[in-house]
Every structure is written in structure tokens, then in C-alpha cells.
Amino acid sequence: MMTPQIAALRIGRSLLASENGIDSAIADTGTLMAHLTTARVATGQPAITGHRAIAKVAAAQAKMIAARQDLIRAHEDLSRIAETADTPTDCPEWTTAIEDEDRVAA
């Protein structure tokens, strides 16, 4: 049987990998967007060229940001579960950070 500490370590590693992975994907789509727009300008193409693709990349990035927010909320929930199970973690202190960020963004 797995101990709570081992389970917390495994979950923590997977969660960190997921958080880092989504941030990498967001960064990669930002780079893609920069290449799409600068290539259009550099090649002298009209603004309509690639517009649909740019819009789709922007929509994909927005969905990734929403997924990132969900991961942060899951992290907060898992941190609270660990706390109630008396399992030590290296998680940040949660002070409704997402709700604070949501208010700032609005």
C-alpha cells in the first residue's frame, strides 16, 4: 500500500509537470503568433493573409490560459486536501489568488 507521503510526492511531481507544460505551450503559441505576424509583414503580404490562422492560434492560446487557471485551482484544492490529511507539501500559501486575479482582470 502507498503511503500518503509517497502519493503526495507523485501527485506533486505530476502537477508541477502539468503546470510547466501548459506554460511552455502558452509560450510556444506566443512565439508562433510572433512568427506568423512578422512573416506576413516581412514578406509584404496583405493583412488578410493568414488572418484565420492567427485567430485560431489566439483562440487556442486563450483556451490554454483557461486550462492553466483550472490547473491552478486544482493545485489549490489538492493543497487543501494535503493539509487536512496532515501531509506536508511545498505548495504556496493560497489566499484566493485566482479570485483576486479575476477581479483585477475585469
N, C-alpha and C. Protein backbone atom coordinates (compact mmCIF):
# COMPACT_ATOMS: atom_id res chain seq x y z
N MET A 1 0.84 -1.19 0.00
CA MET A 1 0.00 0.00 0.00
C MET A 1 0.88 1.24 0.00
N MET A 2 0.43 2.27 -0.71
CA MET A 2 1.18 3.52 -0.83
C MET A 2 0.91 4.41 0.38
N THR A 3 1.96 5.04 0.88
CA THR A 3 1.78 5.97 1.99
C THR A 3 1.25 7.31 1.47
N PRO A 4 0.61 8.08 2.31
CA PRO A 4 0.14 9.40 1.88
C PRO A 4 1.29 10.30 1.41
N GLN A 5 2.45 10.18 2.02
CA GLN A 5 3.60 10.99 1.63
C GLN A 5 4.07 10.65 0.22
N ILE A 6 4.12 9.35 -0.11
CA ILE A 6 4.52 8.93 -1.46
C ILE A 6 3.48 9.40 -2.47
N ALA A 7 2.21 9.25 -2.13
CA ALA A 7 1.14 9.71 -3.03
C ALA A 7 1.27 11.22 -3.26
N ALA A 8 1.51 11.98 -2.21
CA ALA A 8 1.65 13.43 -2.33
C ALA A 8 2.84 13.79 -3.21
N LEU A 9 3.94 13.09 -3.07
CA LEU A 9 5.11 13.34 -3.91
C LEU A 9 4.81 13.08 -5.38
N ARG A 10 4.17 11.97 -5.67
CA ARG A 10 3.83 11.64 -7.06
C ARG A 10 2.87 12.65 -7.66
N ILE A 11 1.84 12.97 -6.91
CA ILE A 11 0.86 13.95 -7.38
C ILE A 11 1.54 15.30 -7.59
N GLY A 12 2.37 15.69 -6.64
CA GLY A 12 3.07 16.97 -6.74
C GLY A 12 3.95 17.06 -7.98
N ARG A 13 4.70 15.99 -8.26
CA ARG A 13 5.56 15.97 -9.46
C ARG A 13 4.72 16.07 -10.74
N SER A 14 3.63 15.32 -10.78
CA SER A 14 2.76 15.36 -11.96
C SER A 14 2.10 16.72 -12.13
N LEU A 15 1.68 17.31 -11.03
CA LEU A 15 1.05 18.61 -11.09
C LEU A 15 2.04 19.67 -11.57
N LEU A 16 3.25 19.65 -11.03
CA LEU A 16 4.27 20.61 -11.46
C LEU A 16 4.60 20.43 -12.94
N ALA A 17 4.71 19.19 -13.39
CA ALA A 17 4.97 18.94 -14.81
C ALA A 17 3.82 19.48 -15.67
N SER A 18 2.59 19.31 -15.22
CA SER A 18 1.43 19.82 -15.96
C SER A 18 1.44 21.34 -16.00
N GLU A 19 1.72 21.97 -14.87
CA GLU A 19 1.77 23.44 -14.82
C GLU A 19 2.88 23.97 -15.72
N ASN A 20 4.04 23.35 -15.67
CA ASN A 20 5.15 23.78 -16.52
C ASN A 20 4.85 23.52 -17.99
N GLY A 21 4.22 22.40 -18.27
CA GLY A 21 3.88 22.06 -19.65
C GLY A 21 2.90 23.05 -20.26
N ILE A 22 1.88 23.44 -19.50
CA ILE A 22 0.91 24.40 -20.06
C ILE A 22 1.57 25.75 -20.26
N ASP A 23 2.46 26.15 -19.36
CA ASP A 23 3.17 27.42 -19.55
C ASP A 23 4.06 27.36 -20.78
N SER A 24 4.71 26.24 -21.01
CA SER A 24 5.54 26.08 -22.22
C SER A 24 4.68 26.16 -23.47
N ALA A 25 3.52 25.52 -23.44
CA ALA A 25 2.63 25.56 -24.60
C ALA A 25 2.13 26.98 -24.86
N ILE A 26 1.81 27.71 -23.80
CA ILE A 26 1.38 29.11 -23.97
C ILE A 26 2.52 29.93 -24.57
N ALA A 27 3.72 29.74 -24.07
CA ALA A 27 4.88 30.46 -24.61
C ALA A 27 5.13 30.10 -26.07
N ASP A 28 5.01 28.82 -26.39
CA ASP A 28 5.22 28.38 -27.77
C ASP A 28 4.21 29.00 -28.72
N THR A 29 2.95 29.10 -28.28
CA THR A 29 1.95 29.71 -29.16
C THR A 29 2.19 31.22 -29.29
N GLY A 30 2.75 31.83 -28.26
CA GLY A 30 3.13 33.24 -28.37
C GLY A 30 4.23 33.43 -29.40
N THR A 31 5.20 32.53 -29.39
CA THR A 31 6.27 32.57 -30.39
C THR A 31 5.70 32.34 -31.79
N LEU A 32 4.79 31.37 -31.90
CA LEU A 32 4.15 31.11 -33.18
C LEU A 32 3.42 32.35 -33.68
N MET A 33 2.68 33.00 -32.80
CA MET A 33 1.96 34.21 -33.18
C MET A 33 2.93 35.29 -33.67
N ALA A 34 4.03 35.45 -32.98
CA ALA A 34 5.02 36.44 -33.40
C ALA A 34 5.57 36.10 -34.78
N HIS A 35 5.86 34.83 -35.02
CA HIS A 35 6.38 34.43 -36.33
C HIS A 35 5.34 34.64 -37.44
N LEU A 36 4.09 34.31 -37.15
CA LEU A 36 3.04 34.49 -38.16
C LEU A 36 2.89 35.96 -38.56
N THR A 37 2.86 36.83 -37.58
CA THR A 37 2.63 38.24 -37.88
C THR A 37 3.86 38.91 -38.47
N THR A 38 5.04 38.60 -37.97
CA THR A 38 6.24 39.23 -38.54
C THR A 38 6.54 38.69 -39.93
N ALA A 39 6.23 37.42 -40.19
CA ALA A 39 6.44 36.86 -41.52
C ALA A 39 5.52 37.53 -42.54
N ARG A 40 4.29 37.79 -42.15
CA ARG A 40 3.36 38.46 -43.05
C ARG A 40 3.88 39.85 -43.42
N VAL A 41 4.32 40.60 -42.43
CA VAL A 41 4.83 41.94 -42.68
C VAL A 41 6.12 41.87 -43.51
N ALA A 42 7.03 40.98 -43.13
CA ALA A 42 8.33 40.89 -43.80
C ALA A 42 8.21 40.46 -45.26
N THR A 43 7.17 39.70 -45.57
CA THR A 43 7.01 39.24 -46.95
C THR A 43 6.10 40.15 -47.76
N GLY A 44 5.59 41.21 -47.13
CA GLY A 44 4.78 42.18 -47.85
C GLY A 44 3.39 41.70 -48.22
N GLN A 45 2.89 40.72 -47.52
CA GLN A 45 1.55 40.19 -47.81
C GLN A 45 0.48 41.12 -47.22
N PRO A 46 -0.72 41.11 -47.81
CA PRO A 46 -1.80 41.93 -47.25
C PRO A 46 -2.23 41.40 -45.88
N ALA A 47 -2.84 42.27 -45.09
CA ALA A 47 -3.22 41.92 -43.71
C ALA A 47 -4.14 40.71 -43.63
N ILE A 48 -4.94 40.48 -44.65
CA ILE A 48 -5.87 39.35 -44.62
C ILE A 48 -5.14 38.01 -44.67
N THR A 49 -3.92 38.02 -45.19
CA THR A 49 -3.16 36.78 -45.33
C THR A 49 -2.91 36.15 -43.96
N GLY A 50 -3.39 34.97 -43.79
CA GLY A 50 -3.18 34.23 -42.55
C GLY A 50 -4.05 34.66 -41.40
N HIS A 51 -4.99 35.56 -41.64
CA HIS A 51 -5.81 36.07 -40.53
C HIS A 51 -6.57 34.96 -39.81
N ARG A 52 -7.17 34.06 -40.56
CA ARG A 52 -7.92 32.96 -39.92
C ARG A 52 -7.01 32.11 -39.06
N ALA A 53 -5.82 31.82 -39.56
CA ALA A 53 -4.87 31.02 -38.78
C ALA A 53 -4.46 31.76 -37.51
N ILE A 54 -4.21 33.06 -37.62
CA ILE A 54 -3.83 33.86 -36.46
C ILE A 54 -4.97 33.85 -35.43
N ALA A 55 -6.19 34.01 -35.89
CA ALA A 55 -7.34 33.99 -34.98
C ALA A 55 -7.47 32.64 -34.28
N LYS A 56 -7.20 31.56 -35.01
CA LYS A 56 -7.30 30.23 -34.41
C LYS A 56 -6.18 30.01 -33.38
N VAL A 57 -5.00 30.51 -33.66
CA VAL A 57 -3.90 30.40 -32.69
C VAL A 57 -4.24 31.21 -31.44
N ALA A 58 -4.80 32.40 -31.62
CA ALA A 58 -5.20 33.22 -30.48
C ALA A 58 -6.27 32.52 -29.65
N ALA A 59 -7.23 31.89 -30.31
CA ALA A 59 -8.29 31.16 -29.60
C ALA A 59 -7.71 29.97 -28.85
N ALA A 60 -6.77 29.28 -29.47
CA ALA A 60 -6.12 28.14 -28.80
C ALA A 60 -5.37 28.61 -27.57
N GLN A 61 -4.69 29.74 -27.70
CA GLN A 61 -3.93 30.26 -26.56
C GLN A 61 -4.88 30.66 -25.42
N ALA A 62 -6.00 31.26 -25.76
CA ALA A 62 -6.98 31.63 -24.73
C ALA A 62 -7.49 30.39 -24.00
N LYS A 63 -7.69 29.30 -24.73
CA LYS A 63 -8.14 28.05 -24.10
C LYS A 63 -7.04 27.49 -23.20
N MET A 64 -5.79 27.64 -23.62
CA MET A 64 -4.68 27.17 -22.78
C MET A 64 -4.61 27.98 -21.48
N ILE A 65 -4.87 29.26 -21.58
CA ILE A 65 -4.84 30.10 -20.38
C ILE A 65 -5.97 29.70 -19.44
N ALA A 66 -7.13 29.37 -19.99
CA ALA A 66 -8.24 28.88 -19.16
C ALA A 66 -7.86 27.55 -18.51
N ALA A 67 -7.19 26.67 -19.26
CA ALA A 67 -6.75 25.39 -18.71
C ALA A 67 -5.72 25.62 -17.60
N ARG A 68 -4.85 26.61 -17.80
CA ARG A 68 -3.85 26.94 -16.78
C ARG A 68 -4.55 27.36 -15.48
N GLN A 69 -5.59 28.17 -15.63
CA GLN A 69 -6.34 28.61 -14.46
C GLN A 69 -6.98 27.42 -13.74
N ASP A 70 -7.50 26.46 -14.50
CA ASP A 70 -8.07 25.26 -13.90
C ASP A 70 -7.01 24.46 -13.16
N LEU A 71 -5.82 24.37 -13.72
CA LEU A 71 -4.73 23.65 -13.04
C LEU A 71 -4.36 24.34 -11.73
N ILE A 72 -4.33 25.66 -11.74
CA ILE A 72 -4.03 26.40 -10.51
C ILE A 72 -5.10 26.13 -9.46
N ARG A 73 -6.35 26.12 -9.88
CA ARG A 73 -7.43 25.83 -8.93
C ARG A 73 -7.34 24.39 -8.40
N ALA A 74 -6.99 23.46 -9.29
CA ALA A 74 -6.81 22.07 -8.85
C ALA A 74 -5.67 21.99 -7.85
N HIS A 75 -4.59 22.73 -8.11
CA HIS A 75 -3.45 22.75 -7.20
C HIS A 75 -3.89 23.24 -5.81
N GLU A 76 -4.68 24.29 -5.82
CA GLU A 76 -5.19 24.82 -4.55
C GLU A 76 -6.03 23.77 -3.83
N ASP A 77 -6.93 23.10 -4.54
CA ASP A 77 -7.76 22.06 -3.94
C ASP A 77 -6.91 20.92 -3.38
N LEU A 78 -5.92 20.48 -4.16
CA LEU A 78 -5.06 19.39 -3.71
C LEU A 78 -4.23 19.79 -2.50
N SER A 79 -3.81 21.05 -2.47
CA SER A 79 -3.06 21.55 -1.32
C SER A 79 -3.91 21.50 -0.06
N ARG A 80 -5.18 21.86 -0.21
CA ARG A 80 -6.09 21.82 0.95
C ARG A 80 -6.34 20.38 1.41
N ILE A 81 -6.43 19.46 0.44
CA ILE A 81 -6.61 18.04 0.80
C ILE A 81 -5.39 17.57 1.58
N ALA A 82 -4.20 17.91 1.10
CA ALA A 82 -2.97 17.50 1.80
C ALA A 82 -2.93 18.09 3.21
N GLU A 83 -3.36 19.33 3.32
CA GLU A 83 -3.37 20.00 4.62
C GLU A 83 -4.31 19.29 5.60
N THR A 84 -5.50 18.91 5.13
CA THR A 84 -6.44 18.23 6.03
C THR A 84 -5.98 16.81 6.35
N ALA A 85 -5.16 16.23 5.47
CA ALA A 85 -4.63 14.89 5.72
C ALA A 85 -3.32 14.94 6.50
N ASP A 86 -2.93 16.15 6.89
CA ASP A 86 -1.70 16.35 7.65
C ASP A 86 -0.47 15.86 6.88
N THR A 87 -0.49 16.08 5.56
CA THR A 87 0.62 15.68 4.70
C THR A 87 1.38 16.93 4.30
N PRO A 88 2.66 17.02 4.67
CA PRO A 88 3.42 18.23 4.34
C PRO A 88 3.64 18.37 2.83
N THR A 89 3.58 19.61 2.35
CA THR A 89 3.84 19.91 0.94
C THR A 89 4.70 21.16 0.84
N ASP A 90 5.21 21.40 -0.35
CA ASP A 90 5.96 22.63 -0.63
C ASP A 90 5.09 23.60 -1.42
N CYS A 91 3.78 23.48 -1.28
CA CYS A 91 2.87 24.32 -2.04
C CYS A 91 2.87 25.74 -1.51
N PRO A 92 2.56 26.70 -2.40
CA PRO A 92 2.45 28.09 -1.93
C PRO A 92 1.23 28.25 -1.04
N GLU A 93 1.23 29.32 -0.27
CA GLU A 93 0.05 29.64 0.53
C GLU A 93 -1.03 30.14 -0.41
N TRP A 94 -2.24 29.62 -0.26
CA TRP A 94 -3.33 30.02 -1.13
C TRP A 94 -4.17 31.05 -0.41
N THR A 95 -4.33 32.19 -1.05
CA THR A 95 -5.15 33.25 -0.48
C THR A 95 -6.14 33.72 -1.52
N THR A 96 -6.86 32.79 -2.09
CA THR A 96 -7.81 33.07 -3.18
C THR A 96 -7.17 33.90 -4.28
N ALA A 97 -5.97 33.50 -4.67
CA ALA A 97 -5.19 34.23 -5.67
C ALA A 97 -5.94 34.34 -7.00
N ILE A 98 -6.57 33.27 -7.44
CA ILE A 98 -7.29 33.30 -8.72
C ILE A 98 -8.42 34.30 -8.67
N GLU A 99 -9.19 34.31 -7.58
CA GLU A 99 -10.30 35.27 -7.48
C GLU A 99 -9.77 36.69 -7.49
N ASP A 100 -8.65 36.95 -6.80
CA ASP A 100 -8.04 38.27 -6.81
C ASP A 100 -7.62 38.65 -8.22
N GLU A 101 -7.00 37.71 -8.94
CA GLU A 101 -6.56 37.96 -10.32
C GLU A 101 -7.76 38.21 -11.22
N ASP A 102 -8.86 37.46 -11.01
CA ASP A 102 -10.06 37.64 -11.81
C ASP A 102 -10.62 39.05 -11.64
N ARG A 103 -10.61 39.55 -10.41
CA ARG A 103 -11.12 40.91 -10.14
C ARG A 103 -10.24 41.95 -10.82
N VAL A 104 -8.93 41.76 -10.81
CA VAL A 104 -8.01 42.70 -11.42
C VAL A 104 -8.21 42.72 -12.93
N ALA A 105 -8.42 41.53 -13.52
CA ALA A 105 -8.57 41.42 -14.99
C ALA A 105 -9.88 42.02 -15.48
N ALA A 106 -10.88 42.08 -14.62
CA ALA A 106 -12.21 42.56 -15.05
C ALA A 106 -12.28 44.05 -15.25
